[in-house]
Protein backbone atom coordinates (compact mmCIF):
# COMPACT_ATOMS: atom_id res chain seq x y z
CA UNK A 1 21.52 27.11 14.94
CA UNK A 2 20.49 30.51 13.30
CA UNK A 3 22.07 29.20 9.98
CA UNK A 4 20.00 26.02 9.88
CA UNK A 5 16.84 28.38 10.79
CA UNK A 6 17.62 30.73 7.61
CA UNK A 7 18.03 28.00 5.05
CA UNK A 8 14.57 26.26 6.47
CA UNK A 9 13.22 29.98 5.81
CA UNK A 10 15.08 30.47 2.50
CA UNK A 11 14.00 26.87 1.59
CA UNK A 12 10.12 27.47 1.95
CA UNK A 13 10.34 30.65 0.24
CA UNK A 14 11.88 29.31 -2.70
CA UNK A 15 8.90 26.69 -2.71
CA UNK A 16 6.25 29.42 -2.43
CA UNK A 17 8.23 31.67 -5.22
CA UNK A 18 8.74 28.70 -7.90
CA UNK A 19 6.53 25.63 -7.02
CA UNK A 20 3.14 25.69 -8.33
CA UNK A 21 0.90 24.03 -5.44
CA UNK A 22 -1.97 21.40 -6.28
CA UNK A 23 -5.30 23.09 -6.02
CA UNK A 24 -8.54 22.13 -7.63
CA UNK A 25 -10.02 24.02 -10.13
CA UNK A 26 -12.67 23.51 -12.51
CA UNK A 27 -12.98 23.95 -16.45
CA UNK A 28 -16.24 23.85 -18.49
CA UNK A 29 -16.57 20.94 -20.99
CA UNK A 30 -18.48 21.21 -24.28
CA UNK A 31 -21.70 20.58 -23.02
CA UNK A 32 -21.40 23.26 -20.18
CA UNK A 33 -20.56 20.58 -17.10
CA UNK A 34 -18.15 21.59 -14.76
CA UNK A 35 -14.98 19.25 -14.59
CA UNK A 36 -12.81 19.03 -11.70
CA UNK A 37 -8.92 19.05 -12.25
CA UNK A 38 -5.73 19.68 -10.10
CA UNK A 39 -2.63 21.54 -11.78
CA UNK A 40 0.64 20.91 -10.11
CA UNK A 41 4.69 21.67 -10.96
CA UNK A 42 5.95 23.15 -14.02
CA UNK A 43 7.60 22.49 -17.37
CA UNK A 44 7.40 22.49 -21.12
CA UNK A 45 5.77 18.65 -20.94
CA UNK A 46 2.34 18.13 -19.40
CA UNK A 47 1.45 14.90 -17.97
CA UNK A 48 -2.34 14.54 -17.59
CA UNK A 49 -3.54 11.62 -15.77
CA UNK A 50 -6.85 10.19 -16.37
CA UNK A 51 -8.70 7.49 -14.15
CA UNK A 52 -10.46 4.63 -15.08
CA UNK A 53 -14.18 3.39 -14.77
CA UNK A 54 -16.12 4.42 -11.57
CA UNK A 55 -12.61 6.06 -10.09
CA UNK A 56 -11.58 9.22 -9.85
CA UNK A 57 -8.51 11.76 -9.70
CA UNK A 58 -7.08 10.35 -6.30
CA UNK A 59 -5.96 7.29 -7.59
CA UNK A 60 -2.82 9.07 -8.81
CA UNK A 61 -2.06 10.28 -5.26
CA UNK A 62 1.32 8.39 -5.74
CA UNK A 63 2.04 9.82 -9.04
CA UNK A 64 1.72 13.56 -8.61
CA UNK A 65 4.40 14.55 -6.20
CA UNK A 66 6.62 12.28 -7.68
CA UNK A 67 6.44 13.85 -11.10
CA UNK A 68 5.47 17.31 -10.48
CA UNK A 69 9.07 17.98 -9.57
CA UNK A 70 10.09 17.97 -13.22
CA UNK A 71 6.41 18.27 -15.42
CA UNK A 72 3.24 19.93 -15.08
CA UNK A 73 0.88 17.43 -13.63
CA UNK A 74 -2.83 17.67 -14.01
CA UNK A 75 -5.43 15.00 -12.88
CA UNK A 76 -9.12 15.09 -14.09
CA UNK A 77 -12.38 13.61 -12.78
CA UNK A 78 -14.54 12.90 -15.77
CA UNK A 79 -18.03 14.39 -15.67
CA UNK A 80 -20.23 12.12 -13.19
CA UNK A 81 -16.87 11.17 -11.64
CA UNK A 82 -15.24 12.74 -8.10
CA UNK A 83 -16.00 16.32 -7.62
CA UNK A 84 -17.03 16.98 -11.01
CA UNK A 85 -20.76 17.86 -12.12
CA UNK A 86 -23.31 15.45 -12.67
CA UNK A 87 -26.13 16.87 -14.73
CA UNK A 88 -25.39 15.21 -18.18
CA UNK A 89 -27.85 13.01 -20.23
CA UNK A 90 -25.34 10.51 -21.60
CA UNK A 91 -22.06 9.87 -20.22
CA UNK A 92 -19.75 8.27 -22.70
CA UNK A 93 -16.21 7.92 -23.84
CA UNK A 94 -16.75 10.78 -26.06
CA UNK A 95 -17.96 13.12 -23.20
CA UNK A 96 -15.17 11.98 -21.34
CA UNK A 97 -12.91 12.89 -24.04
CA UNK A 98 -14.62 16.37 -24.31
CA UNK A 99 -13.85 16.76 -20.56
CA UNK A 100 -9.94 16.10 -20.86
CA UNK A 101 -9.77 18.33 -23.87
CA UNK A 102 -11.68 20.99 -21.88
CA UNK A 103 -8.96 21.05 -19.28
CA UNK A 104 -5.93 21.21 -21.80
CA UNK A 105 -7.72 24.02 -23.32
CA UNK A 106 -8.34 26.14 -20.20
CA UNK A 107 -4.73 25.49 -19.32
CA UNK A 108 -3.11 25.89 -22.71
CA UNK A 109 -1.38 23.27 -22.70
CA UNK A 110 0.84 22.63 -25.62
CA UNK A 111 3.02 19.44 -25.09
CA UNK A 112 0.76 16.79 -23.29
CA UNK A 113 1.39 13.02 -22.45
CA UNK A 114 -2.07 11.80 -21.86
CA UNK A 115 -2.07 8.87 -19.29
CA UNK A 116 -5.23 6.80 -18.62
CA UNK A 117 -5.80 3.69 -16.76
CA UNK A 118 -8.43 1.09 -17.78
CA UNK A 119 -11.06 3.07 -19.33
CA UNK A 120 -8.99 6.00 -19.35
CA UNK A 121 -6.75 4.12 -22.19
CA UNK A 122 -10.10 4.85 -24.39
CA UNK A 123 -10.89 7.95 -23.31
CA UNK A 124 -7.08 9.66 -23.87
CA UNK A 125 -7.54 8.41 -27.56
CA UNK A 126 -10.78 9.98 -27.83
CA UNK A 127 -9.14 13.01 -26.39
CA UNK A 128 -5.98 13.10 -28.60
CA UNK A 129 -8.11 12.53 -31.81
CA UNK A 130 -9.68 15.96 -31.24
CA UNK A 131 -6.45 17.96 -30.27
CA UNK A 132 -3.65 15.66 -32.01
CA UNK A 133 -1.32 18.76 -32.68
CA UNK A 134 -0.84 18.96 -28.62
CA UNK A 135 -0.43 15.36 -27.83
CA UNK A 136 2.74 14.22 -27.98
CA UNK A 137 2.21 10.44 -26.57
CA UNK A 138 -0.44 8.07 -25.30
CA UNK A 139 0.50 5.89 -21.97
CA UNK A 140 -2.27 3.30 -21.28
CA UNK A 141 -2.03 1.53 -17.65
CA UNK A 142 -3.34 -1.72 -17.58
CA UNK A 143 -5.06 -1.35 -20.61
CA UNK A 144 -4.43 -1.88 -24.41
CA UNK A 145 -4.39 -5.77 -23.77
CA UNK A 146 -5.46 -5.61 -27.22
CA UNK A 147 -7.14 -2.46 -28.93
CA UNK A 148 -10.06 -4.24 -30.24
CA UNK A 149 -11.60 -7.58 -29.42
CA UNK A 150 -13.39 -9.01 -32.12
CA UNK A 151 -14.57 -12.21 -29.90
CA UNK A 152 -16.29 -9.78 -27.32
CA UNK A 153 -20.27 -10.21 -28.84
CA UNK A 154 -23.04 -7.84 -27.93
CA UNK A 155 -24.65 -11.31 -26.13
CA UNK A 156 -21.32 -11.73 -23.92
CA UNK A 157 -21.18 -8.36 -23.35
CA UNK A 158 -25.06 -8.06 -21.91
CA UNK A 159 -24.71 -11.48 -20.01
CA UNK A 160 -21.62 -9.64 -18.42
CA UNK A 161 -23.38 -6.67 -17.49
CA UNK A 162 -26.77 -7.94 -16.31
CA UNK A 163 -25.65 -8.46 -12.98
CA UNK A 164 -24.53 -5.03 -12.35
CA UNK A 165 -28.04 -3.70 -13.39
CA UNK A 166 -29.74 -6.13 -11.02
CA UNK A 167 -27.42 -5.34 -7.97
CA UNK A 168 -24.80 -2.71 -8.90
CA UNK A 169 -23.01 -2.54 -5.27
CA UNK A 170 -22.34 -6.28 -4.89
CA UNK A 171 -21.57 -7.16 -8.52
CA UNK A 172 -18.99 -4.22 -8.60
CA UNK A 173 -17.56 -5.23 -5.13
CA UNK A 174 -17.00 -8.69 -6.78
CA UNK A 175 -15.66 -7.26 -10.04
CA UNK A 176 -12.89 -5.16 -8.43
CA UNK A 177 -11.70 -7.58 -6.17
CA UNK A 178 -11.37 -10.18 -9.11
CA UNK A 179 -8.96 -7.27 -10.62
CA UNK A 180 -6.27 -8.07 -7.84
CA UNK A 181 -3.89 -10.92 -7.23
CA UNK A 182 -4.41 -13.41 -4.18
CA UNK A 183 -1.60 -11.86 -2.52
CA UNK A 184 -2.26 -8.14 -3.20
CA UNK A 185 -2.67 -5.89 0.01
CA UNK A 186 -6.00 -6.68 1.72
CA UNK A 187 -6.58 -3.14 3.05
CA UNK A 188 -6.06 -1.57 -0.50
CA UNK A 189 -8.36 -4.29 -2.09
CA UNK A 190 -11.01 -3.18 0.25
CA UNK A 191 -10.90 0.40 0.08
CA UNK A 192 -10.82 0.51 -3.73
CA UNK A 193 -13.71 -2.31 -3.67
CA UNK A 194 -15.56 -0.29 -1.44
CA UNK A 195 -14.70 2.97 -3.36
CA UNK A 196 -16.08 1.83 -6.77
CA UNK A 197 -19.10 0.09 -5.57
CA UNK A 198 -20.15 3.29 -4.05
CA UNK A 199 -20.22 4.99 -7.71
CA UNK A 200 -23.24 6.47 -9.52
CA UNK A 201 -24.70 3.44 -11.15
CA UNK A 202 -26.28 5.37 -13.79
CA UNK A 203 -22.72 6.87 -14.71
CA UNK A 204 -21.25 3.70 -14.65
CA UNK A 205 -23.38 1.73 -16.50
CA UNK A 206 -23.78 4.37 -19.61
CA UNK A 207 -20.05 4.68 -19.41
CA UNK A 208 -20.16 0.20 -19.54
CA UNK A 209 -22.09 0.77 -22.93
CA UNK A 210 -20.34 3.16 -24.18
CA UNK A 211 -17.04 1.29 -23.53
CA UNK A 212 -18.38 -1.58 -25.48
CA UNK A 213 -19.34 0.70 -28.58
CA UNK A 214 -16.15 2.55 -28.39
CA UNK A 215 -14.04 -0.44 -28.68
CA UNK A 216 -15.78 -2.18 -31.46
CA UNK A 217 -16.31 0.98 -33.58
CA UNK A 218 -13.99 3.71 -32.80
CA UNK A 219 -10.93 2.90 -31.57
CA UNK A 220 -8.98 1.76 -34.27
CA UNK A 221 -10.28 4.36 -36.46
CA UNK A 222 -9.25 6.88 -34.16
CA UNK A 223 -5.70 5.31 -33.79
CA UNK A 224 -5.27 5.14 -37.39
CA UNK A 225 -5.87 8.73 -38.02
CA UNK A 226 -3.35 10.33 -35.52
CA UNK A 227 0.63 9.67 -35.91
CA UNK A 228 1.05 9.79 -31.75
CA UNK A 229 3.29 6.99 -30.08
CA UNK A 230 1.16 4.53 -27.95
CA UNK A 231 2.59 3.21 -24.84
CA UNK A 232 1.24 0.93 -22.30
CA UNK A 233 2.59 -0.32 -18.44
CA UNK A 234 0.83 -3.25 -17.71
CA UNK A 235 0.59 -6.20 -15.04
CA UNK A 236 0.80 -9.98 -16.67
CA UNK A 237 -2.68 -10.31 -14.75
CA UNK A 238 -4.00 -10.48 -18.60
CA UNK A 239 -2.17 -11.26 -21.57
CA UNK A 240 -1.35 -7.98 -23.65
CA UNK A 241 -1.57 -9.04 -27.56
CA UNK A 242 1.53 -7.07 -28.62
CA UNK A 243 1.65 -8.63 -32.13
CA UNK A 244 -2.21 -7.53 -32.57
CA UNK A 245 -1.57 -4.16 -31.24
CA UNK A 246 1.50 -3.44 -33.67
CA UNK A 247 -0.79 -4.19 -36.55
CA UNK A 248 -2.72 -1.56 -35.42
CA UNK A 249 0.12 1.26 -34.27
CA UNK A 250 3.32 -0.31 -35.36
CA UNK A 251 5.41 1.22 -32.50
CA UNK A 252 3.25 0.32 -30.07
CA UNK A 253 5.32 -0.67 -26.96
CA UNK A 254 4.48 -1.95 -23.29
CA UNK A 255 6.40 -2.49 -20.24
CA UNK A 256 5.30 -4.94 -17.66
CA UNK A 257 4.84 -5.26 -13.85
CA UNK A 258 4.74 -9.31 -13.26
CA UNK A 259 2.81 -10.24 -10.26
CA UNK A 260 0.42 -6.95 -9.81
CA UNK A 261 -3.10 -6.56 -10.64
CA UNK A 262 -5.18 -3.69 -12.36
CA UNK A 263 -4.06 -1.12 -10.13
CA UNK A 264 -0.70 -1.03 -10.69
CA UNK A 265 -0.05 2.44 -9.65
CA UNK A 266 -1.60 1.66 -6.22
CA UNK A 267 -0.32 -1.53 -5.79
CA UNK A 268 3.79 -0.59 -6.31
CA UNK A 269 3.61 2.75 -7.00
CA UNK A 270 7.61 2.88 -6.63
CA UNK A 271 8.11 0.36 -9.49
CA UNK A 272 5.15 1.76 -11.66
CA UNK A 273 6.65 4.98 -11.39
CA UNK A 274 9.95 3.88 -12.38
CA UNK A 275 8.68 2.42 -15.70
CA UNK A 276 6.21 5.19 -16.74
CA UNK A 277 9.25 7.49 -15.68
CA UNK A 278 11.08 5.44 -18.62
CA UNK A 279 8.28 5.71 -20.99
CA UNK A 280 7.85 9.31 -20.51
CA UNK A 281 11.85 9.68 -21.55
CA UNK A 282 11.38 7.55 -24.55
CA UNK A 283 8.36 9.76 -25.72
CA UNK A 284 10.29 12.97 -25.29
CA UNK A 285 13.25 11.22 -26.92
CA UNK A 286 11.46 10.18 -29.98
CA UNK A 287 9.98 13.40 -30.13
CA UNK A 288 13.37 15.38 -30.16
């Protein structure tokens, strides 16, 4: 009994001595806005997890404990999201990219893998373009189905977003539910739909507008200007145009989670974490 107690105390002591506990802190973005982040784990490689539209850093709750055993793991709330500040005139992909850069700069990270869900895929491209010497890989999470969609016209965009201006909560609720397959866990669907439909509509609609412009005008230009490998872990809910993406980034690679929806890191964390680990391993191997 005494031996068991000794080892229990020793384990706790070692953990406190060597394990960095997750805690919230703040970095100052380029416009002075306070950006919330968490920092856990340790290692030469830092994984920076970046959330999607109208989400926050809690969407990575199943990834932080898994990956912080071997890596330094950072999660970020963009401006206007989660616990970050809201006093910004315009919330754009470029400003969100600045928010990520601010966190990386504050923590002085020099070997970073940026991991972005949905809209976060665009954000991490912008962030990487501003600090290419620090980023060793980009990983999209159910994004990068096609880097640039030439068929998505302004007229289509406006017809798509007009209902959100008229009734943001109802439109967002329906939008989110449509991104899950019919057999998805009902409690998860309800939770995500309720959370995202409660987002700040001003921030959300400015982000929508910026996503359209970024996809049309900047995404491929920024990718072409960087020598950084790009990967994705995607559901098969929407097709991924691998051929087109490789015409932009020749070594683009994707791993699939068939049968899942848009929130794959929540729908099957075990499978997602395994595929993400395989991707991280590949990035590190290619770097070396």
